Amino acid sequence: MLAPMRYRMAKRKAETFLADRGIASLPVDPIALAESLDIVVEPKPDTVGGVSGMLVRHQDIFGIMYATHINNEGFQRFSIAHEIGHYVLDGHVDHIFPSGDGLHTSEAGFVSGDRFELEADHFAAGLLMPEPHFSREVLRFGDGLEAVEGMARKCRTSLTATAIRYAETASVPVAVVMSTGGTVDYCFMSKSIRDFDGLEWLRKGQPLPAGVETDLFNRDPANVLRTRRSHAETDLRDWFGGPRSMPGTEVMIGLGRYGKTLTILSSNLFADDEPDEEYEDMEKRWTARFRR
């Protein structure tokens, strides 16, 4: 099965899980859901870092421990939902506990390349930000960063997870990029931005495009550590290539001790918008003149 299909099915499984329990409002309480499955949930000492959460199994008894070394409620709730995903999704328990009893550590937040970890991430996103409730509520908060921050408060989720969910559901051209220093960690695009021809998807480990505002922002580590923000006008073509100019905005947020930067790119231009032929003709004439 193709990876995108697996991830969509993981989100759908979470939404069905909620519907079967009659949960139709936000925010969703992952601890209450875990306890309804007879799973004990406890915090992990904040002196222990390196993982987001753990699923523990002893025979038919399960427990979840979630990380507290990052003092972020949204991150902790997502970590709990991620472990519920491992418990609920088909094949996960057998995969992570091949010998029966044991302890499985996770690194939630779309940073792992492992199929099972990513499926659990998508399950967590669907559990805490289910459709159609997310898309209905987001209309109250406008677009871009305002929408992401508004829904993060509503769903009690992290800016990162909310931004990704926003990109997945947005009707406008939106892309979310997570980066560390000069390197891309991952990129999510809305369908309306993927409709543009000739775009190149940013891949994990790829350098940030040179000269974009996020690249300049990340060159000063204090911007990230002190959770600074910056805003700039941009052309999405500088990020993703393609034959057309795509004027838009670029908003960066440093994520403090997490050590990463969240960038939200958005545009009001759609793929089916008719280009201004007079402008394009003028641009070609002037470009040719400058190249002489």
Protein backbone atom coordinates (compact mmCIF):
# COMPACT_ATOMS: atom_id res chain seq x y z
CA MET A 1 0.00 0.00 0.00
CA LEU A 2 1.36 3.44 -0.90
CA ALA A 3 2.49 5.54 2.08
CA PRO A 4 0.03 8.43 1.54
CA MET A 5 -2.86 5.96 1.51
CA ARG A 6 -1.63 4.33 4.75
CA TYR A 7 -1.45 7.71 6.45
CA ARG A 8 -4.92 8.73 5.28
CA MET A 9 -6.26 5.44 6.59
CA ALA A 10 -4.57 6.04 9.95
CA LYS A 11 -6.30 9.43 10.27
CA ARG A 12 -9.60 7.90 9.19
CA LYS A 13 -9.18 5.16 11.80
CA ALA A 14 -8.79 7.83 14.48
CA GLU A 15 -11.87 9.71 13.29
CA THR A 16 -13.90 6.50 13.27
CA PHE A 17 -12.58 5.72 16.76
CA LEU A 18 -14.00 9.07 17.96
CA ALA A 19 -17.29 8.67 16.12
CA ASP A 20 -17.84 5.22 17.63
CA ARG A 21 -17.55 6.86 21.06
CA GLY A 22 -19.90 9.73 20.23
CA ILE A 23 -17.17 12.38 20.46
CA ALA A 24 -18.09 15.25 18.16
CA SER A 25 -16.56 18.34 19.75
CA LEU A 26 -13.14 19.89 20.34
CA PRO A 27 -10.87 19.59 22.23
CA VAL A 28 -10.46 15.83 22.45
CA ASP A 29 -9.07 14.42 25.73
CA PRO A 30 -6.47 11.73 24.88
CA ILE A 31 -5.95 10.72 28.52
CA ALA A 32 -9.65 10.00 28.97
CA LEU A 33 -9.62 7.99 25.73
CA ALA A 34 -6.62 5.96 26.88
CA GLU A 35 -8.25 5.27 30.22
CA SER A 36 -11.42 4.13 28.43
CA LEU A 37 -9.21 1.44 26.89
CA ASP A 38 -7.89 0.48 30.36
CA ILE A 39 -4.52 2.04 29.56
CA VAL A 40 -2.83 3.77 32.49
CA VAL A 41 -1.27 7.13 31.57
CA GLU A 42 1.58 8.64 33.60
CA PRO A 43 4.15 11.41 33.04
CA LYS A 44 7.77 10.44 32.45
CA PRO A 45 10.28 12.28 34.70
CA ASP A 46 11.47 15.49 33.03
CA THR A 47 15.07 14.47 33.65
CA VAL A 48 14.66 11.77 30.99
CA GLY A 49 14.82 13.17 27.46
CA GLY A 50 15.26 11.74 23.99
CA VAL A 51 11.79 10.28 23.41
CA SER A 52 8.29 11.71 23.27
CA GLY A 53 6.52 8.78 24.90
CA MET A 54 6.44 5.09 25.66
CA LEU A 55 3.94 2.29 25.32
CA VAL A 56 4.49 -0.41 27.92
CA ARG A 57 3.05 -3.93 27.75
CA HIS A 58 2.87 -6.64 30.39
CA GLN A 59 0.76 -9.53 29.11
CA ASP A 60 -2.62 -7.91 28.40
CA ILE A 61 -1.96 -4.79 30.49
CA PHE A 62 -0.82 -1.61 28.73
CA GLY A 63 0.46 1.72 29.97
CA ILE A 64 1.54 5.01 28.41
CA MET A 65 4.28 7.29 29.69
CA TYR A 66 4.65 10.72 28.08
CA ALA A 67 7.63 13.06 28.04
CA THR A 68 7.76 16.15 30.24
CA HIS A 69 11.24 17.40 29.31
CA ILE A 70 9.54 19.68 26.77
CA ASN A 71 7.09 21.82 28.71
CA ASN A 72 4.42 22.00 26.05
CA GLU A 73 0.89 20.69 26.67
CA GLY A 74 0.21 20.26 22.96
CA PHE A 75 3.35 18.17 22.48
CA GLN A 76 2.46 15.99 25.47
CA ARG A 77 -1.14 15.46 24.32
CA PHE A 78 0.08 14.54 20.84
CA SER A 79 2.56 12.07 22.34
CA ILE A 80 -0.24 10.34 24.28
CA ALA A 81 -2.42 10.23 21.14
CA HIS A 82 0.54 8.77 19.22
CA GLU A 83 0.84 5.90 21.71
CA ILE A 84 -2.93 5.28 21.49
CA GLY A 85 -2.34 4.96 17.75
CA HIS A 86 0.16 2.18 18.31
CA TYR A 87 -2.42 0.40 20.47
CA VAL A 88 -5.34 0.84 18.06
CA LEU A 89 -3.83 0.58 14.58
CA ASP A 90 -3.80 -2.86 12.97
CA GLY A 91 -0.48 -4.66 13.24
CA HIS A 92 1.26 -2.13 15.48
CA VAL A 93 1.18 -4.06 18.77
CA ASP A 94 2.57 -7.18 17.11
CA HIS A 95 5.28 -5.14 15.37
CA ILE A 96 6.52 -3.15 18.36
CA PHE A 97 6.21 -6.04 20.83
CA PRO A 98 7.46 -9.02 18.80
CA SER A 99 8.30 -10.97 21.96
CA GLY A 100 5.15 -10.06 23.86
CA ASP A 101 5.95 -7.97 26.92
CA GLY A 102 8.19 -4.96 26.62
CA LEU A 103 8.59 -1.22 26.35
CA HIS A 104 8.38 0.71 23.09
CA THR A 105 9.83 4.23 22.88
CA SER A 106 8.52 6.72 20.33
CA GLU A 107 9.69 9.96 18.78
CA ALA A 108 6.40 11.55 17.80
CA GLY A 109 6.00 14.67 15.70
CA PHE A 110 6.62 13.55 12.09
CA VAL A 111 10.41 13.41 12.63
CA SER A 112 10.84 9.63 12.30
CA GLY A 113 11.24 7.89 8.97
CA ASP A 114 9.74 4.67 10.30
CA ARG A 115 6.43 3.67 8.72
CA PHE A 116 4.80 2.66 12.01
CA GLU A 117 5.86 5.85 13.78
CA LEU A 118 4.49 8.00 10.95
CA GLU A 119 1.22 6.07 10.92
CA ALA A 120 0.89 6.72 14.67
CA ASP A 121 1.63 10.42 14.05
CA HIS A 122 -1.15 10.65 11.48
CA PHE A 123 -3.49 8.77 13.82
CA ALA A 124 -2.70 11.33 16.55
CA ALA A 125 -3.43 14.22 14.18
CA GLY A 126 -6.78 12.67 13.24
CA LEU A 127 -7.61 11.96 16.87
CA LEU A 128 -6.91 15.47 18.20
CA MET A 129 -7.95 17.42 15.07
CA PRO A 130 -10.63 15.32 13.37
CA GLU A 131 -12.49 16.17 10.21
CA PRO A 132 -14.97 17.72 9.65
CA HIS A 133 -14.75 19.48 13.03
CA PHE A 134 -11.31 20.95 12.31
CA SER A 135 -12.27 22.40 8.92
CA ARG A 136 -15.49 23.85 10.31
CA GLU A 137 -13.85 25.50 13.32
CA VAL A 138 -10.83 26.87 11.44
CA LEU A 139 -13.10 29.19 9.45
CA ARG A 140 -13.55 31.24 12.63
CA PHE A 141 -9.88 32.20 12.71
CA GLY A 142 -9.06 33.43 9.21
CA ASP A 143 -6.02 32.20 7.30
CA GLY A 144 -2.35 31.51 7.82
CA LEU A 145 -0.74 31.88 11.22
CA GLU A 146 -3.90 33.32 12.79
CA ALA A 147 -5.79 30.17 11.81
CA VAL A 148 -3.01 27.90 13.09
CA GLU A 149 -2.74 29.68 16.44
CA GLY A 150 -6.51 29.83 16.85
CA MET A 151 -6.92 26.12 16.20
CA ALA A 152 -3.94 25.27 18.43
CA ARG A 153 -5.79 26.97 21.30
CA LYS A 154 -9.07 25.31 20.36
CA CYS A 155 -7.64 21.80 20.03
CA ARG A 156 -4.97 22.22 22.74
CA THR A 157 -2.36 21.04 20.27
CA SER A 158 1.12 22.27 19.43
CA LEU A 159 1.68 24.90 16.75
CA THR A 160 3.61 22.32 14.76
CA ALA A 161 0.94 19.62 14.69
CA THR A 162 -1.77 22.21 14.09
CA ALA A 163 0.13 23.81 11.21
CA ILE A 164 0.55 20.42 9.54
CA ARG A 165 -3.15 19.64 9.93
CA TYR A 166 -3.99 23.11 8.59
CA ALA A 167 -1.87 22.49 5.49
CA GLU A 168 -3.55 19.13 4.94
CA THR A 169 -7.06 20.60 5.09
CA ALA A 170 -6.63 24.17 3.76
CA SER A 171 -8.43 25.21 0.60
CA VAL A 172 -5.85 27.94 -0.08
CA PRO A 173 -2.25 27.31 -1.24
CA VAL A 174 -0.30 26.61 1.97
CA ALA A 175 2.94 24.82 2.79
CA VAL A 176 4.44 24.06 6.19
CA VAL A 177 8.19 23.53 6.50
CA MET A 178 10.05 22.39 9.61
CA SER A 179 13.78 23.10 9.58
CA THR A 180 16.82 22.76 11.80
CA GLY A 181 19.56 25.23 10.96
CA GLY A 182 20.00 25.12 7.20
CA THR A 183 18.32 21.74 6.74
CA VAL A 184 14.73 20.74 5.95
CA ASP A 185 13.18 18.27 8.42
CA TYR A 186 9.92 17.86 6.49
CA CYS A 187 7.38 19.68 4.32
CA PHE A 188 3.60 19.42 4.07
CA MET A 189 1.64 21.02 1.22
CA SER A 190 -2.06 21.71 0.75
CA LYS A 191 -3.74 20.17 -2.28
CA SER A 192 -4.18 23.59 -3.87
CA ILE A 193 -0.45 24.22 -3.88
CA ARG A 194 0.28 20.75 -5.24
CA ASP A 195 -1.99 21.62 -8.19
CA PHE A 196 0.72 23.90 -9.59
CA ASP A 197 2.78 22.29 -12.34
CA GLY A 198 6.50 21.74 -12.01
CA LEU A 199 6.91 22.17 -8.25
CA GLU A 200 9.61 20.24 -6.42
CA TRP A 201 8.70 18.80 -3.01
CA LEU A 202 11.22 19.62 -0.28
CA ARG A 203 12.66 16.41 1.14
CA LYS A 204 14.04 15.54 4.56
CA GLY A 205 17.74 16.40 4.79
CA GLN A 206 17.63 18.78 1.83
CA PRO A 207 19.21 22.23 2.33
CA LEU A 208 16.85 25.16 2.72
CA PRO A 209 16.68 27.21 -0.49
CA ALA A 210 19.48 29.76 -0.28
CA GLY A 211 18.40 33.30 0.43
CA VAL A 212 14.84 32.66 1.57
CA GLU A 213 13.91 34.47 4.78
CA THR A 214 13.86 31.26 6.83
CA ASP A 215 17.44 30.51 5.80
CA LEU A 216 18.52 33.94 7.02
CA PHE A 217 16.45 33.61 10.21
CA ASN A 218 18.04 30.26 11.11
CA ARG A 219 21.58 31.58 10.78
CA ASP A 220 21.14 33.23 14.19
CA PRO A 221 20.48 30.44 16.75
CA ALA A 222 19.11 33.04 19.18
CA ASN A 223 16.10 33.49 16.90
CA VAL A 224 15.14 29.87 17.51
CA LEU A 225 16.07 29.67 21.20
CA ARG A 226 14.20 32.88 22.09
CA THR A 227 11.12 31.86 20.05
CA ARG A 228 11.34 34.92 17.85
CA ARG A 229 9.05 35.48 14.90
CA SER A 230 9.57 37.04 11.51
CA HIS A 231 7.39 37.81 8.52
CA ALA A 232 8.32 38.52 4.92
CA GLU A 233 6.86 38.74 1.47
CA THR A 234 8.12 35.89 -0.66
CA ASP A 235 7.74 34.08 -3.94
CA LEU A 236 6.91 30.41 -3.45
CA ARG A 237 8.82 29.73 -6.66
CA ASP A 238 12.00 30.46 -4.66
CA TRP A 239 11.05 27.52 -2.44
CA PHE A 240 9.57 25.00 -4.85
CA GLY A 241 10.66 26.07 -8.33
CA GLY A 242 8.15 25.86 -11.16
CA PRO A 243 7.53 28.02 -14.20
CA ARG A 244 5.23 30.58 -12.52
CA SER A 245 5.77 33.28 -9.98
CA MET A 246 3.68 32.63 -6.85
CA PRO A 247 3.72 35.76 -4.65
CA GLY A 248 2.94 35.00 -1.03
CA THR A 249 3.95 35.36 2.60
CA GLU A 250 6.54 33.56 4.71
CA VAL A 251 6.10 33.43 8.49
CA MET A 252 8.80 31.92 10.71
CA ILE A 253 8.56 30.93 14.38
CA GLY A 254 11.50 29.69 16.45
CA LEU A 255 10.50 26.73 18.63
CA GLY A 256 12.83 27.34 21.57
CA ARG A 257 14.41 24.30 23.25
CA TYR A 258 13.00 22.13 20.49
CA GLY A 259 15.74 23.64 18.33
CA LYS A 260 13.67 23.94 15.17
CA THR A 261 11.90 26.58 13.11
CA LEU A 262 8.33 26.33 11.85
CA THR A 263 7.67 28.15 8.58
CA ILE A 264 4.20 28.74 7.14
CA LEU A 265 4.09 29.70 3.46
CA SER A 266 0.86 30.87 1.90
CA SER A 267 -0.40 32.52 -1.28
CA ASN A 268 -3.66 33.89 -2.63
CA LEU A 269 -2.78 32.67 -6.14
CA PHE A 270 -4.37 29.43 -7.35
CA ALA A 271 -3.14 27.11 -10.09
CA ASP A 272 -6.19 27.77 -12.25
CA ASP A 273 -5.89 31.56 -12.01
CA GLU A 274 -5.31 33.02 -15.47
CA PRO A 275 -1.84 34.63 -15.71
CA ASP A 276 -1.65 38.25 -16.74
CA GLU A 277 -0.52 37.88 -20.36
CA GLU A 278 0.41 41.54 -20.71
CA TYR A 279 2.58 41.37 -17.60
CA GLU A 280 4.22 38.12 -18.69
CA ASP A 281 4.97 39.56 -22.14
CA MET A 282 6.52 42.65 -20.56
CA GLU A 283 8.56 40.50 -18.19
CA LYS A 284 9.93 38.45 -21.10
CA ARG A 285 10.88 41.60 -23.06
CA TRP A 286 12.70 43.17 -20.10
CA THR A 287 14.39 39.89 -19.16
CA ALA A 288 15.69 39.54 -22.69
CA ARG A 289 16.95 43.16 -22.64
CA PHE A 290 18.88 42.68 -19.41
CA ARG A 291 20.54 39.54 -20.72
CA ARG A 292 22.14 41.31 -23.68
